[in-house]
C-alpha atoms as a PDB file:
ATOM      1  CA  MET A   1      60.341 -20.485-108.556  1.00  0.00           C
ATOM      2  CA  TYR A   2      59.728 -19.521-104.968  1.00  0.00           C
ATOM      3  CA  CYS A   3      56.567 -19.586-102.909  1.00  0.00           C
ATOM      4  CA  GLN A   4      55.634 -17.015-100.339  1.00  0.00           C
ATOM      5  CA  GLU A   5      53.044 -17.820 -97.699  1.00  0.00           C
ATOM      6  CA  SER A   6      50.607 -15.335 -96.266  1.00  0.00           C
ATOM      7  CA  SER A   7      47.898 -15.954 -93.695  1.00  0.00           C
ATOM      8  CA  SER A   8      44.809 -14.148 -92.549  1.00  0.00           C
ATOM      9  CA  THR A   9      43.228 -14.603 -89.147  1.00  0.00           C
ATOM     10  CA  TRP A  10      39.437 -14.597 -89.252  1.00  0.00           C
ATOM     11  CA  SER A  11      38.367 -15.735 -85.788  1.00  0.00           C
ATOM     12  CA  SER A  12      39.277 -15.274 -82.160  1.00  0.00           C
ATOM     13  CA  TYR A  13      40.514 -18.871 -82.044  1.00  0.00           C
ATOM     14  CA  ASN A  14      43.550 -18.140 -84.257  1.00  0.00           C
ATOM     15  CA  THR A  15      42.191 -20.085 -87.199  1.00  0.00           C
ATOM     16  CA  SER A  16      44.228 -19.164 -90.239  1.00  0.00           C
ATOM     17  CA  THR A  17      43.789 -19.568 -93.942  1.00  0.00           C
ATOM     18  CA  ASN A  18      47.027 -19.709 -95.840  1.00  0.00           C
ATOM     19  CA  ASN A  19      47.601 -18.461 -99.340  1.00  0.00           C
ATOM     20  CA  ILE A  20      50.746 -19.355-101.235  1.00  0.00           C
ATOM     21  CA  SER A  21      51.849 -17.269-104.155  1.00  0.00           C
ATOM     22  CA  CYS A  22      54.642 -18.557-106.352  1.00  0.00           C
ATOM     23  CA  SER A  23      57.095 -16.685-108.556  1.00  0.00           C
ATOM     24  CA  SER A  24      59.952 -17.806-110.739  1.00  0.00           C
ATOM     25  CA  ASN A  25      63.488 -17.078-109.574  1.00  0.00           C
ATOM     26  CA  GLY A  26      65.364 -20.198-110.628  1.00  0.00           C
ATOM     27  CA  LEU A  27      65.103 -22.447-107.554  1.00  0.00           C
ATOM     28  CA  SER A  28      65.973 -26.021-108.349  1.00  0.00           C
ATOM     29  CA  SER A  29      63.524 -28.813-107.699  1.00  0.00           C
ATOM     30  CA  PRO A  30      65.181 -29.927-104.403  1.00  0.00           C
ATOM     31  CA  GLU A  31      65.304 -26.318-103.184  1.00  0.00           C
ATOM     32  CA  LEU A  32      61.649 -25.832-104.081  1.00  0.00           C
ATOM     33  CA  ALA A  33      60.685 -29.085-102.361  1.00  0.00           C
ATOM     34  CA  ARG A  34      62.622 -28.038 -99.239  1.00  0.00           C
ATOM     35  CA  HIS A  35      60.988 -24.613 -99.242  1.00  0.00           C
ATOM     36  CA  ARG A  36      57.529 -26.145 -99.605  1.00  0.00           C
ATOM     37  CA  ARG A  37      58.285 -28.638 -96.802  1.00  0.00           C
ATOM     38  CA  LEU A  38      59.408 -25.813 -94.505  1.00  0.00           C
ATOM     39  CA  ALA A  39      56.214 -23.886 -95.286  1.00  0.00           C
ATOM     40  CA  ALA A  40      54.090 -26.986 -94.627  1.00  0.00           C
ATOM     41  CA  ASN A  41      55.925 -27.586 -91.334  1.00  0.00           C
ATOM     42  CA  ALA A  42      55.252 -23.992 -90.277  1.00  0.00           C
ATOM     43  CA  ARG A  43      51.545 -24.338 -91.089  1.00  0.00           C
ATOM     44  CA  GLU A  44      51.339 -27.611 -89.139  1.00  0.00           C
ATOM     45  CA  ARG A  45      53.164 -26.050 -86.174  1.00  0.00           C
ATOM     46  CA  ARG A  46      50.640 -23.159 -86.136  1.00  0.00           C
ATOM     47  CA  ARG A  47      47.755 -25.623 -86.390  1.00  0.00           C
ATOM     48  CA  MET A  48      49.038 -27.712 -83.480  1.00  0.00           C
ATOM     49  CA  ASN A  49      49.700 -24.603 -81.372  1.00  0.00           C
ATOM     50  CA  GLY A  50      46.102 -23.516 -81.964  1.00  0.00           C
ATOM     51  CA  LEU A  51      44.826 -26.961 -81.021  1.00  0.00           C
ATOM     52  CA  ASN A  52      46.952 -27.018 -77.863  1.00  0.00           C
ATOM     53  CA  ASP A  53      45.676 -23.538 -76.930  1.00  0.00           C
ATOM     54  CA  ALA A  54      42.094 -24.783 -77.328  1.00  0.00           C
ATOM     55  CA  PHE A  55      42.813 -27.746 -75.037  1.00  0.00           C
ATOM     56  CA  ASP A  56      44.331 -25.386 -72.465  1.00  0.00           C
ATOM     57  CA  ARG A  57      41.179 -23.229 -72.549  1.00  0.00           C
ATOM     58  CA  LEU A  58      39.025 -26.339 -72.176  1.00  0.00           C
ATOM     59  CA  ARG A  59      41.109 -27.517 -69.185  1.00  0.00           C
ATOM     60  CA  GLU A  60      40.432 -24.159 -67.522  1.00  0.00           C
ATOM     61  CA  VAL A  61      36.640 -24.523 -67.644  1.00  0.00           C
ATOM     62  CA  ILE A  62      36.110 -28.174 -66.743  1.00  0.00           C
ATOM     63  CA  PRO A  63      36.225 -29.147 -63.072  1.00  0.00           C
ATOM     64  CA  SER A  64      39.415 -30.884 -62.037  1.00  0.00           C
ATOM     65  CA  LEU A  65      39.824 -33.623 -59.469  1.00  0.00           C
ATOM     66  CA  GLY A  66      42.538 -31.732 -57.619  1.00  0.00           C
ATOM     67  CA  SER A  67      45.415 -33.435 -59.377  1.00  0.00           C
ATOM     68  CA  ASP A  68      48.569 -31.368 -59.722  1.00  0.00           C
ATOM     69  CA  ARG A  69      49.391 -32.784 -63.126  1.00  0.00           C
ATOM     70  CA  LYS A  70      47.963 -31.483 -66.361  1.00  0.00           C
ATOM     71  CA  LEU A  71      45.286 -33.706 -67.915  1.00  0.00           C
ATOM     72  CA  SER A  72      46.169 -35.355 -71.215  1.00  0.00           C
ATOM     73  CA  LYS A  73      44.175 -34.444 -74.313  1.00  0.00           C
ATOM     74  CA  PHE A  74      42.268 -37.718 -74.046  1.00  0.00           C
ATOM     75  CA  GLU A  75      41.551 -37.191 -70.345  1.00  0.00           C
ATOM     76  CA  THR A  76      40.471 -33.613 -71.041  1.00  0.00           C
ATOM     77  CA  LEU A  77      37.972 -34.776 -73.654  1.00  0.00           C
ATOM     78  CA  GLN A  78      36.683 -37.496 -71.328  1.00  0.00           C
ATOM     79  CA  MET A  79      36.236 -35.007 -68.488  1.00  0.00           C
ATOM     80  CA  ALA A  80      34.508 -32.521 -70.795  1.00  0.00           C
ATOM     81  CA  GLN A  81      32.125 -35.229 -72.003  1.00  0.00           C
ATOM     82  CA  THR A  82      31.338 -36.270 -68.422  1.00  0.00           C
ATOM     83  CA  TYR A  83      30.868 -32.649 -67.339  1.00  0.00           C
ATOM     84  CA  ILE A  84      28.537 -31.888 -70.252  1.00  0.00           C
ATOM     85  CA  SER A  85      26.496 -35.018 -69.478  1.00  0.00           C
ATOM     86  CA  ALA A  86      26.250 -34.018 -65.820  1.00  0.00           C
ATOM     87  CA  LEU A  87      25.101 -30.514 -66.748  1.00  0.00           C
ATOM     88  CA  HIS A  88      22.559 -31.994 -69.161  1.00  0.00           C
ATOM     89  CA  GLU A  89      21.193 -34.247 -66.424  1.00  0.00           C
ATOM     90  CA  LEU A  90      21.016 -31.316 -64.031  1.00  0.00           C
ATOM     91  CA  LEU A  91      18.978 -29.312 -66.534  1.00  0.00           C
ATOM     92  CA  ASN A  92      16.575 -32.205 -67.139  1.00  0.00           C
ATOM     93  CA  ARG A  93      15.594 -32.583 -63.459  1.00  0.00           C
END
């Protein structure tokens, strides 16, 4: 048995849905487990790349404090939350 993965992109944010179709070709259980693990690793790598791309886009739109270093994910979320709150307060004046 072997499994072949296919994906379809349905949004501009590179969100993918993955379909796995399996066929029989005599793979042993360890080979099948390895193949499935490799496919799962590839899906996780794509997911993390998409998440990292989203953080990069968010870093581009929030004001920075002039630091030369890239903000961490946690710092980026904190800054986004602070920025959104400040914009909200500005609108409520």
